[in-house]
Amino acid sequence: MKKSTACRIISSSGALTAVLLVVLTLVVVSCKSSGSSGVENDPILQLSADESLEQGKELMEAGKYRPAVDYLAHAFEVAPNSASGREALLLSADALFLDGGVASFIKAQAKYTDFQNRFPTSDRSDYVQFQIANCLEKQIRKPDRDQTPTIDALNAYEELVRLYPTSEYVDEGQLRIVALRQDMAEHEFIVGRYNMTRKLWPAAVRRFDGLLERYPDYLETDKVLYFKGSAQLRWKKCEEADQTFAQLRSEYPESKYVNQVPSKRKDCE
């Protein structure tokens, strides 16, 4: 290679390197400028924990729960171990709960749980446990759907009653326990009826028996007895059906199902 050609290549490479360095420098400067301007233009990031907490409270009082969460979250991030940070974390959970919607209830539950884990000896622990249960209950589906959220909510309310028996929230918690048990019993009944529609008589009877055993407080036990007896008839368990219908007549003489008990037992002839 001739000397002049080599020099041109070296010179060209050096120029390209210089250009790349200039471009990289401009990118770095631009990123720094953009980042700093982002901080400068975000009013929340310029606030102290106390200032952000107060702004969050004002927004909550005005019913603006979603904007309040941003201020409260910032207050907690700035001073997580301070009194203001602790209050902000709990209030941010409250704001999400009040905002409503499944997504917000899930986020609220996560924040209440975070508060519970960080501050287990807080004097608000009973309230936090109550709100965790409320968040879970808000996620419950209809009785004909998966009942895992119902079970979780029931366990959470029972935990409230167990851990904080003197809490002001216990009475409400116990009412919710009763209501949730009714929902779970209804779910069992729906499954039993579904088994009957598929002519799975033994499965239906077992489901009804399980319901009667686990939920003696079910408010529609007469209905369960009627359908249990009907399934037993279809299964040709005639003596068992007679016993079930006799129990229905004895314990619930005013039930509308008493008059629906078949007088003739075609399935047993």
C-alpha atoms as a PDB file:
ATOM      1  CA  MET A   1       0.000   0.000   0.000  1.00  0.00           C
ATOM      2  CA  LYS A   2       1.296   3.446  -0.847  1.00  0.00           C
ATOM      3  CA  LYS A   3       2.100   5.836   1.946  1.00  0.00           C
ATOM      4  CA  SER A   4      -0.395   8.481   0.789  1.00  0.00           C
ATOM      5  CA  THR A   5      -3.245   5.937   0.739  1.00  0.00           C
ATOM      6  CA  ALA A   6      -2.425   4.709   4.238  1.00  0.00           C
ATOM      7  CA  CYS A   7      -2.357   8.260   5.527  1.00  0.00           C
ATOM      8  CA  ARG A   8      -5.769   8.955   4.046  1.00  0.00           C
ATOM      9  CA  ILE A   9      -7.212   5.852   5.749  1.00  0.00           C
ATOM     10  CA  ILE A  10      -5.708   6.790   9.125  1.00  0.00           C
ATOM     11  CA  SER A  11      -6.892  10.352   8.721  1.00  0.00           C
ATOM     12  CA  SER A  12     -10.390   9.155   7.806  1.00  0.00           C
ATOM     13  CA  SER A  13     -10.523   6.791  10.814  1.00  0.00           C
ATOM     14  CA  GLY A  14      -9.438   9.548  13.126  1.00  0.00           C
ATOM     15  CA  ALA A  15     -12.118  11.863  11.792  1.00  0.00           C
ATOM     16  CA  LEU A  16     -14.797   9.153  12.217  1.00  0.00           C
ATOM     17  CA  THR A  17     -13.699   8.561  15.804  1.00  0.00           C
ATOM     18  CA  ALA A  18     -13.886  12.245  16.545  1.00  0.00           C
ATOM     19  CA  VAL A  19     -17.397  12.441  15.123  1.00  0.00           C
ATOM     20  CA  LEU A  20     -18.533   9.468  17.218  1.00  0.00           C
ATOM     21  CA  LEU A  21     -17.104  11.048  20.359  1.00  0.00           C
ATOM     22  CA  VAL A  22     -18.997  14.259  19.665  1.00  0.00           C
ATOM     23  CA  VAL A  23     -22.244  12.349  19.096  1.00  0.00           C
ATOM     24  CA  LEU A  24     -21.833  10.339  22.302  1.00  0.00           C
ATOM     25  CA  THR A  25     -21.096  13.502  24.249  1.00  0.00           C
ATOM     26  CA  LEU A  26     -24.247  15.134  22.922  1.00  0.00           C
ATOM     27  CA  VAL A  27     -26.331  12.058  23.838  1.00  0.00           C
ATOM     28  CA  VAL A  28     -24.986  12.000  27.400  1.00  0.00           C
ATOM     29  CA  VAL A  29     -25.572  15.724  27.847  1.00  0.00           C
ATOM     30  CA  SER A  30     -29.065  15.377  26.405  1.00  0.00           C
ATOM     31  CA  CYS A  31     -29.922  12.510  28.762  1.00  0.00           C
ATOM     32  CA  LYS A  32     -28.653  14.391  31.783  1.00  0.00           C
ATOM     33  CA  SER A  33     -30.521  17.493  30.727  1.00  0.00           C
ATOM     34  CA  SER A  34     -33.715  15.533  30.150  1.00  0.00           C
ATOM     35  CA  GLY A  35     -33.465  13.741  33.479  1.00  0.00           C
ATOM     36  CA  SER A  36     -32.796  16.891  35.438  1.00  0.00           C
ATOM     37  CA  SER A  37     -35.583  18.756  33.699  1.00  0.00           C
ATOM     38  CA  GLY A  38     -37.918  15.829  34.503  1.00  0.00           C
ATOM     39  CA  VAL A  39     -37.130  16.175  38.198  1.00  0.00           C
ATOM     40  CA  GLU A  40     -37.393  19.948  38.035  1.00  0.00           C
ATOM     41  CA  ASN A  41     -40.734  19.808  36.224  1.00  0.00           C
ATOM     42  CA  ASP A  42     -42.312  17.210  38.525  1.00  0.00           C
ATOM     43  CA  PRO A  43     -43.781  19.119  41.491  1.00  0.00           C
ATOM     44  CA  ILE A  44     -44.171  15.988  43.582  1.00  0.00           C
ATOM     45  CA  LEU A  45     -40.459  15.146  43.544  1.00  0.00           C
ATOM     46  CA  GLN A  46     -39.605  18.561  44.927  1.00  0.00           C
ATOM     47  CA  LEU A  47     -41.718  18.060  48.061  1.00  0.00           C
ATOM     48  CA  SER A  48     -40.591  16.833  51.455  1.00  0.00           C
ATOM     49  CA  ALA A  49     -42.327  13.869  53.064  1.00  0.00           C
ATOM     50  CA  ASP A  50     -44.469  16.121  55.257  1.00  0.00           C
ATOM     51  CA  GLU A  51     -45.426  18.386  52.358  1.00  0.00           C
ATOM     52  CA  SER A  52     -46.306  15.475  50.121  1.00  0.00           C
ATOM     53  CA  LEU A  53     -48.311  13.839  52.906  1.00  0.00           C
ATOM     54  CA  GLU A  54     -50.385  16.960  53.475  1.00  0.00           C
ATOM     55  CA  GLN A  55     -51.040  17.357  49.754  1.00  0.00           C
ATOM     56  CA  GLY A  56     -52.131  13.729  49.589  1.00  0.00           C
ATOM     57  CA  LYS A  57     -54.529  14.239  52.494  1.00  0.00           C
ATOM     58  CA  GLU A  58     -56.087  17.270  50.814  1.00  0.00           C
ATOM     59  CA  LEU A  59     -56.640  15.313  47.620  1.00  0.00           C
ATOM     60  CA  MET A  60     -58.258  12.474  49.545  1.00  0.00           C
ATOM     61  CA  GLU A  61     -60.611  14.879  51.297  1.00  0.00           C
ATOM     62  CA  ALA A  62     -61.587  16.176  47.860  1.00  0.00           C
ATOM     63  CA  GLY A  63     -62.299  12.630  46.688  1.00  0.00           C
ATOM     64  CA  LYS A  64     -59.366  12.634  44.263  1.00  0.00           C
ATOM     65  CA  TYR A  65     -57.986   9.286  45.299  1.00  0.00           C
ATOM     66  CA  ARG A  66     -55.782   8.392  42.342  1.00  0.00           C
ATOM     67  CA  PRO A  67     -53.780  11.648  42.374  1.00  0.00           C
ATOM     68  CA  ALA A  68     -53.539  11.329  46.151  1.00  0.00           C
ATOM     69  CA  VAL A  69     -51.783   7.977  45.810  1.00  0.00           C
ATOM     70  CA  ASP A  70     -48.881   9.592  43.923  1.00  0.00           C
ATOM     71  CA  TYR A  71     -48.266  12.157  46.665  1.00  0.00           C
ATOM     72  CA  LEU A  72     -48.636   9.626  49.451  1.00  0.00           C
ATOM     73  CA  ALA A  73     -46.332   7.154  47.727  1.00  0.00           C
ATOM     74  CA  HIS A  74     -43.694   9.879  47.394  1.00  0.00           C
ATOM     75  CA  ALA A  75     -44.015  10.779  51.079  1.00  0.00           C
ATOM     76  CA  PHE A  76     -43.376   7.165  52.024  1.00  0.00           C
ATOM     77  CA  GLU A  77     -40.434   6.789  49.624  1.00  0.00           C
ATOM     78  CA  VAL A  78     -38.753   9.927  50.985  1.00  0.00           C
ATOM     79  CA  ALA A  79     -39.034   8.939  54.642  1.00  0.00           C
ATOM     80  CA  PRO A  80     -40.232   5.318  54.981  1.00  0.00           C
ATOM     81  CA  ASN A  81     -39.304   4.971  58.654  1.00  0.00           C
ATOM     82  CA  SER A  82     -40.684   8.283  59.859  1.00  0.00           C
ATOM     83  CA  ALA A  83     -44.116   8.908  61.337  1.00  0.00           C
ATOM     84  CA  SER A  84     -45.080  10.749  58.153  1.00  0.00           C
ATOM     85  CA  GLY A  85     -43.884   7.889  55.968  1.00  0.00           C
ATOM     86  CA  ARG A  86     -45.799   5.339  58.023  1.00  0.00           C
ATOM     87  CA  GLU A  87     -48.975   7.398  57.836  1.00  0.00           C
ATOM     88  CA  ALA A  88     -48.500   7.944  54.117  1.00  0.00           C
ATOM     89  CA  LEU A  89     -48.186   4.218  53.417  1.00  0.00           C
ATOM     90  CA  LEU A  90     -51.430   3.452  55.231  1.00  0.00           C
ATOM     91  CA  LEU A  91     -53.246   6.357  53.615  1.00  0.00           C
ATOM     92  CA  SER A  92     -52.075   5.308  50.158  1.00  0.00           C
ATOM     93  CA  ALA A  93     -53.683   1.907  50.790  1.00  0.00           C
ATOM     94  CA  ASP A  94     -56.873   3.659  51.907  1.00  0.00           C
ATOM     95  CA  ALA A  95     -56.867   5.843  48.801  1.00  0.00           C
ATOM     96  CA  LEU A  96     -56.589   2.826  46.527  1.00  0.00           C
ATOM     97  CA  PHE A  97     -59.371   1.050  48.416  1.00  0.00           C
ATOM     98  CA  LEU A  98     -61.642   4.083  48.137  1.00  0.00           C
ATOM     99  CA  ASP A  99     -60.824   4.456  44.452  1.00  0.00           C
ATOM    100  CA  GLY A 100     -62.442   1.062  43.872  1.00  0.00           C
ATOM    101  CA  GLY A 101     -62.175  -1.495  41.108  1.00  0.00           C
ATOM    102  CA  VAL A 102     -60.553  -4.913  41.210  1.00  0.00           C
ATOM    103  CA  ALA A 103     -57.121  -3.598  40.189  1.00  0.00           C
ATOM    104  CA  SER A 104     -57.194  -0.961  42.945  1.00  0.00           C
ATOM    105  CA  PHE A 105     -58.356  -3.481  45.554  1.00  0.00           C
ATOM    106  CA  ILE A 106     -55.442  -5.762  44.668  1.00  0.00           C
ATOM    107  CA  LYS A 107     -52.978  -2.864  44.967  1.00  0.00           C
ATOM    108  CA  ALA A 108     -54.558  -1.720  48.221  1.00  0.00           C
ATOM    109  CA  GLN A 109     -54.276  -5.222  49.668  1.00  0.00           C
ATOM    110  CA  ALA A 110     -50.575  -5.274  48.748  1.00  0.00           C
ATOM    111  CA  LYS A 111     -49.989  -1.955  50.515  1.00  0.00           C
ATOM    112  CA  TYR A 112     -51.902  -2.994  53.636  1.00  0.00           C
ATOM    113  CA  THR A 113     -49.875  -6.204  53.727  1.00  0.00           C
ATOM    114  CA  ASP A 114     -46.669  -4.195  53.293  1.00  0.00           C
ATOM    115  CA  PHE A 115     -47.671  -1.977  56.204  1.00  0.00           C
ATOM    116  CA  GLN A 116     -48.505  -5.053  58.290  1.00  0.00           C
ATOM    117  CA  ASN A 117     -45.105  -6.591  57.591  1.00  0.00           C
ATOM    118  CA  ARG A 118     -43.146  -3.397  58.210  1.00  0.00           C
ATOM    119  CA  PHE A 119     -44.984  -2.287  61.348  1.00  0.00           C
ATOM    120  CA  PRO A 120     -46.377  -5.406  63.071  1.00  0.00           C
ATOM    121  CA  THR A 121     -46.727  -3.642  66.436  1.00  0.00           C
ATOM    122  CA  SER A 122     -48.653  -0.638  65.097  1.00  0.00           C
ATOM    123  CA  ASP A 123     -51.727   0.459  67.025  1.00  0.00           C
ATOM    124  CA  ARG A 124     -53.563   0.320  63.676  1.00  0.00           C
ATOM    125  CA  SER A 125     -52.860  -3.385  63.162  1.00  0.00           C
ATOM    126  CA  ASP A 126     -56.480  -4.402  63.733  1.00  0.00           C
ATOM    127  CA  TYR A 127     -57.669  -1.884  61.169  1.00  0.00           C
ATOM    128  CA  VAL A 128     -55.070  -3.092  58.669  1.00  0.00           C
ATOM    129  CA  GLN A 129     -56.166  -6.720  59.112  1.00  0.00           C
ATOM    130  CA  PHE A 130     -59.799  -5.663  58.696  1.00  0.00           C
ATOM    131  CA  GLN A 131     -58.972  -3.814  55.481  1.00  0.00           C
ATOM    132  CA  ILE A 132     -57.000  -6.753  54.079  1.00  0.00           C
ATOM    133  CA  ALA A 133     -60.110  -8.871  54.589  1.00  0.00           C
ATOM    134  CA  ASN A 134     -62.259  -6.183  52.957  1.00  0.00           C
ATOM    135  CA  CYS A 135     -59.951  -6.044  49.934  1.00  0.00           C
ATOM    136  CA  LEU A 136     -60.184  -9.811  49.546  1.00  0.00           C
ATOM    137  CA  GLU A 137     -63.961  -9.731  49.847  1.00  0.00           C
ATOM    138  CA  LYS A 138     -64.160  -7.105  47.107  1.00  0.00           C
ATOM    139  CA  GLN A 139     -62.463  -9.589  44.775  1.00  0.00           C
ATOM    140  CA  ILE A 140     -65.032 -12.347  45.384  1.00  0.00           C
ATOM    141  CA  ARG A 141     -66.776 -13.817  42.372  1.00  0.00           C
ATOM    142  CA  LYS A 142     -70.312 -15.171  42.091  1.00  0.00           C
ATOM    143  CA  PRO A 143     -71.163 -18.396  43.961  1.00  0.00           C
ATOM    144  CA  ASP A 144     -71.016 -20.385  40.732  1.00  0.00           C
ATOM    145  CA  ARG A 145     -67.371 -19.415  40.152  1.00  0.00           C
ATOM    146  CA  ASP A 146     -64.106 -20.361  41.843  1.00  0.00           C
ATOM    147  CA  GLN A 147     -64.405 -19.668  45.576  1.00  0.00           C
ATOM    148  CA  THR A 148     -60.727 -19.202  46.415  1.00  0.00           C
ATOM    149  CA  PRO A 149     -61.153 -15.427  47.026  1.00  0.00           C
ATOM    150  CA  THR A 150     -64.113 -16.192  49.298  1.00  0.00           C
ATOM    151  CA  ILE A 151     -62.049 -18.644  51.331  1.00  0.00           C
ATOM    152  CA  ASP A 152     -59.180 -16.135  51.578  1.00  0.00           C
ATOM    153  CA  ALA A 153     -61.525 -13.376  52.741  1.00  0.00           C
ATOM    154  CA  LEU A 154     -63.171 -15.679  55.297  1.00  0.00           C
ATOM    155  CA  ASN A 155     -59.763 -16.678  56.680  1.00  0.00           C
ATOM    156  CA  ALA A 156     -58.741 -13.023  56.913  1.00  0.00           C
ATOM    157  CA  TYR A 157     -61.869 -12.056  58.875  1.00  0.00           C
ATOM    158  CA  GLU A 158     -61.414 -15.044  61.167  1.00  0.00           C
ATOM    159  CA  GLU A 159     -57.812 -13.947  61.733  1.00  0.00           C
ATOM    160  CA  LEU A 160     -59.088 -10.509  62.727  1.00  0.00           C
ATOM    161  CA  VAL A 161     -61.425 -12.032  65.317  1.00  0.00           C
ATOM    162  CA  ARG A 162     -58.707 -14.353  66.608  1.00  0.00           C
ATOM    163  CA  LEU A 163     -55.902 -11.799  66.895  1.00  0.00           C
ATOM    164  CA  TYR A 164     -57.906  -8.740  67.951  1.00  0.00           C
ATOM    165  CA  PRO A 165     -60.952  -9.971  69.929  1.00  0.00           C
ATOM    166  CA  THR A 166     -61.527  -6.551  71.523  1.00  0.00           C
ATOM    167  CA  SER A 167     -61.182  -4.552  68.307  1.00  0.00           C
ATOM    168  CA  GLU A 168     -63.945  -2.202  67.236  1.00  0.00           C
ATOM    169  CA  TYR A 169     -63.930  -4.021  63.884  1.00  0.00           C
ATOM    170  CA  VAL A 170     -64.716  -7.467  65.304  1.00  0.00           C
ATOM    171  CA  ASP A 171     -68.516  -7.095  65.171  1.00  0.00           C
ATOM    172  CA  GLU A 172     -68.430  -6.209  61.497  1.00  0.00           C
ATOM    173  CA  GLY A 173     -65.901  -8.958  60.875  1.00  0.00           C
ATOM    174  CA  GLN A 174     -68.200 -11.541  62.432  1.00  0.00           C
ATOM    175  CA  LEU A 175     -71.097 -10.373  60.288  1.00  0.00           C
ATOM    176  CA  ARG A 176     -68.945 -10.787  57.208  1.00  0.00           C
ATOM    177  CA  ILE A 177     -67.935 -14.287  58.338  1.00  0.00           C
ATOM    178  CA  VAL A 178     -71.616 -15.280  58.520  1.00  0.00           C
ATOM    179  CA  ALA A 179     -72.317 -13.828  55.075  1.00  0.00           C
ATOM    180  CA  LEU A 180     -69.294 -15.499  53.491  1.00  0.00           C
ATOM    181  CA  ARG A 181     -70.228 -18.858  54.951  1.00  0.00           C
ATOM    182  CA  GLN A 182     -73.619 -18.474  53.297  1.00  0.00           C
ATOM    183  CA  ASP A 183     -71.904 -17.791  49.972  1.00  0.00           C
ATOM    184  CA  MET A 184     -69.688 -20.849  50.314  1.00  0.00           C
ATOM    185  CA  ALA A 185     -72.656 -23.037  51.224  1.00  0.00           C
ATOM    186  CA  GLU A 186     -74.521 -21.749  48.190  1.00  0.00           C
ATOM    187  CA  HIS A 187     -71.543 -22.664  46.038  1.00  0.00           C
ATOM    188  CA  GLU A 188     -71.698 -26.230  47.341  1.00  0.00           C
ATOM    189  CA  PHE A 189     -75.409 -26.372  46.583  1.00  0.00           C
ATOM    190  CA  ILE A 190     -74.855 -25.143  43.022  1.00  0.00           C
ATOM    191  CA  VAL A 191     -72.285 -27.872  42.444  1.00  0.00           C
ATOM    192  CA  GLY A 192     -74.685 -30.457  43.826  1.00  0.00           C
ATOM    193  CA  ARG A 193     -77.456 -29.285  41.518  1.00  0.00           C
ATOM    194  CA  TYR A 194     -75.054 -29.357  38.584  1.00  0.00           C
ATOM    195  CA  ASN A 195     -74.264 -32.983  39.381  1.00  0.00           C
ATOM    196  CA  MET A 196     -77.978 -33.712  39.325  1.00  0.00           C
ATOM    197  CA  THR A 197     -78.373 -32.175  35.867  1.00  0.00           C
ATOM    198  CA  ARG A 198     -75.712 -34.615  34.691  1.00  0.00           C
ATOM    199  CA  LYS A 199     -77.488 -37.486  36.485  1.00  0.00           C
ATOM    200  CA  LEU A 200     -74.510 -37.997  38.787  1.00  0.00           C
ATOM    201  CA  TRP A 201     -76.737 -38.940  41.695  1.00  0.00           C
ATOM    202  CA  PRO A 202     -74.065 -40.297  44.113  1.00  0.00           C
ATOM    203  CA  ALA A 203     -71.881 -37.216  43.548  1.00  0.00           C
ATOM    204  CA  ALA A 204     -74.848 -34.931  44.142  1.00  0.00           C
ATOM    205  CA  VAL A 205     -75.789 -36.651  47.398  1.00  0.00           C
ATOM    206  CA  ARG A 206     -72.199 -36.500  48.655  1.00  0.00           C
ATOM    207  CA  ARG A 207     -72.040 -32.798  47.860  1.00  0.00           C
ATOM    208  CA  PHE A 208     -75.304 -32.115  49.722  1.00  0.00           C
ATOM    209  CA  ASP A 209     -74.138 -34.187  52.695  1.00  0.00           C
ATOM    210  CA  GLY A 210     -70.896 -32.213  52.822  1.00  0.00           C
ATOM    211  CA  LEU A 211     -72.825 -28.952  52.746  1.00  0.00           C
ATOM    212  CA  LEU A 212     -75.098 -30.021  55.613  1.00  0.00           C
ATOM    213  CA  GLU A 213     -72.111 -31.116  57.682  1.00  0.00           C
ATOM    214  CA  ARG A 214     -69.874 -28.082  57.122  1.00  0.00           C
ATOM    215  CA  TYR A 215     -72.554 -25.389  57.055  1.00  0.00           C
ATOM    216  CA  PRO A 216     -75.272 -26.235  59.594  1.00  0.00           C
ATOM    217  CA  ASP A 217     -75.998 -22.492  59.767  1.00  0.00           C
ATOM    218  CA  TYR A 218     -76.987 -22.334  56.074  1.00  0.00           C
ATOM    219  CA  LEU A 219     -80.243 -20.419  55.815  1.00  0.00           C
ATOM    220  CA  GLU A 220     -81.673 -22.648  53.080  1.00  0.00           C
ATOM    221  CA  THR A 221     -81.104 -26.052  54.595  1.00  0.00           C
ATOM    222  CA  ASP A 222     -84.668 -27.032  53.659  1.00  0.00           C
ATOM    223  CA  LYS A 223     -83.768 -26.588  50.006  1.00  0.00           C
ATOM    224  CA  VAL A 224     -80.723 -28.810  50.422  1.00  0.00           C
ATOM    225  CA  LEU A 225     -82.760 -31.544  52.082  1.00  0.00           C
ATOM    226  CA  TYR A 226     -85.326 -31.494  49.306  1.00  0.00           C
ATOM    227  CA  PHE A 227     -82.778 -31.847  46.534  1.00  0.00           C
ATOM    228  CA  LYS A 228     -80.788 -34.405  48.486  1.00  0.00           C
ATOM    229  CA  GLY A 229     -83.915 -36.541  48.852  1.00  0.00           C
ATOM    230  CA  SER A 230     -84.716 -36.085  45.174  1.00  0.00           C
ATOM    231  CA  ALA A 231     -81.212 -37.231  44.196  1.00  0.00           C
ATOM    232  CA  GLN A 232     -81.532 -40.244  46.496  1.00  0.00           C
ATOM    233  CA  LEU A 233     -84.796 -41.204  44.802  1.00  0.00           C
ATOM    234  CA  ARG A 234     -83.196 -41.007  41.370  1.00  0.00           C
ATOM    235  CA  TRP A 235     -80.332 -43.103  42.723  1.00  0.00           C
ATOM    236  CA  LYS A 236     -82.985 -45.627  43.921  1.00  0.00           C
ATOM    237  CA  LYS A 237     -81.944 -45.124  47.526  1.00  0.00           C
ATOM    238  CA  CYS A 238     -85.564 -45.093  48.590  1.00  0.00           C
ATOM    239  CA  GLU A 239     -85.214 -45.643  52.333  1.00  0.00           C
ATOM    240  CA  GLU A 240     -82.582 -42.922  52.561  1.00  0.00           C
ATOM    241  CA  ALA A 241     -84.843 -40.607  50.555  1.00  0.00           C
ATOM    242  CA  ASP A 242     -87.727 -41.284  52.945  1.00  0.00           C
ATOM    243  CA  GLN A 243     -85.515 -40.357  55.890  1.00  0.00           C
ATOM    244  CA  THR A 244     -84.361 -37.155  54.214  1.00  0.00           C
ATOM    245  CA  PHE A 245     -87.908 -36.074  53.345  1.00  0.00           C
ATOM    246  CA  ALA A 246     -89.050 -36.937  56.871  1.00  0.00           C
ATOM    247  CA  GLN A 247     -86.324 -34.650  58.240  1.00  0.00           C
ATOM    248  CA  LEU A 248     -87.481 -31.914  55.882  1.00  0.00           C
ATOM    249  CA  ARG A 249     -91.093 -32.194  57.096  1.00  0.00           C
ATOM    250  CA  SER A 250     -90.072 -32.380  60.749  1.00  0.00           C
ATOM    251  CA  GLU A 251     -87.567 -29.519  60.861  1.00  0.00           C
ATOM    252  CA  TYR A 252     -89.098 -27.216  58.242  1.00  0.00           C
ATOM    253  CA  PRO A 253     -92.847 -27.843  58.212  1.00  0.00           C
ATOM    254  CA  GLU A 254     -93.538 -24.401  56.713  1.00  0.00           C
ATOM    255  CA  SER A 255     -91.050 -24.809  53.869  1.00  0.00           C
ATOM    256  CA  LYS A 256     -92.366 -24.538  50.325  1.00  0.00           C
ATOM    257  CA  TYR A 257     -90.379 -27.655  49.497  1.00  0.00           C
ATOM    258  CA  VAL A 258     -92.540 -29.849  51.754  1.00  0.00           C
ATOM    259  CA  ASN A 259     -95.398 -29.661  49.253  1.00  0.00           C
ATOM    260  CA  GLN A 260     -93.015 -30.539  46.424  1.00  0.00           C
ATOM    261  CA  VAL A 261     -92.022 -33.909  47.873  1.00  0.00           C
ATOM    262  CA  PRO A 262     -93.300 -36.542  45.391  1.00  0.00           C
ATOM    263  CA  SER A 263     -96.152 -38.650  46.695  1.00  0.00           C
ATOM    264  CA  LYS A 264     -95.388 -41.428  44.248  1.00  0.00           C
ATOM    265  CA  ARG A 265     -91.917 -42.867  43.927  1.00  0.00           C
ATOM    266  CA  LYS A 266     -91.687 -44.023  40.344  1.00  0.00           C
ATOM    267  CA  ASP A 267     -87.934 -44.473  40.621  1.00  0.00           C
ATOM    268  CA  CYS A 268     -88.410 -46.968  43.451  1.00  0.00           C
ATOM    269  CA  GLU A 269     -91.080 -49.141  41.843  1.00  0.00           C
END
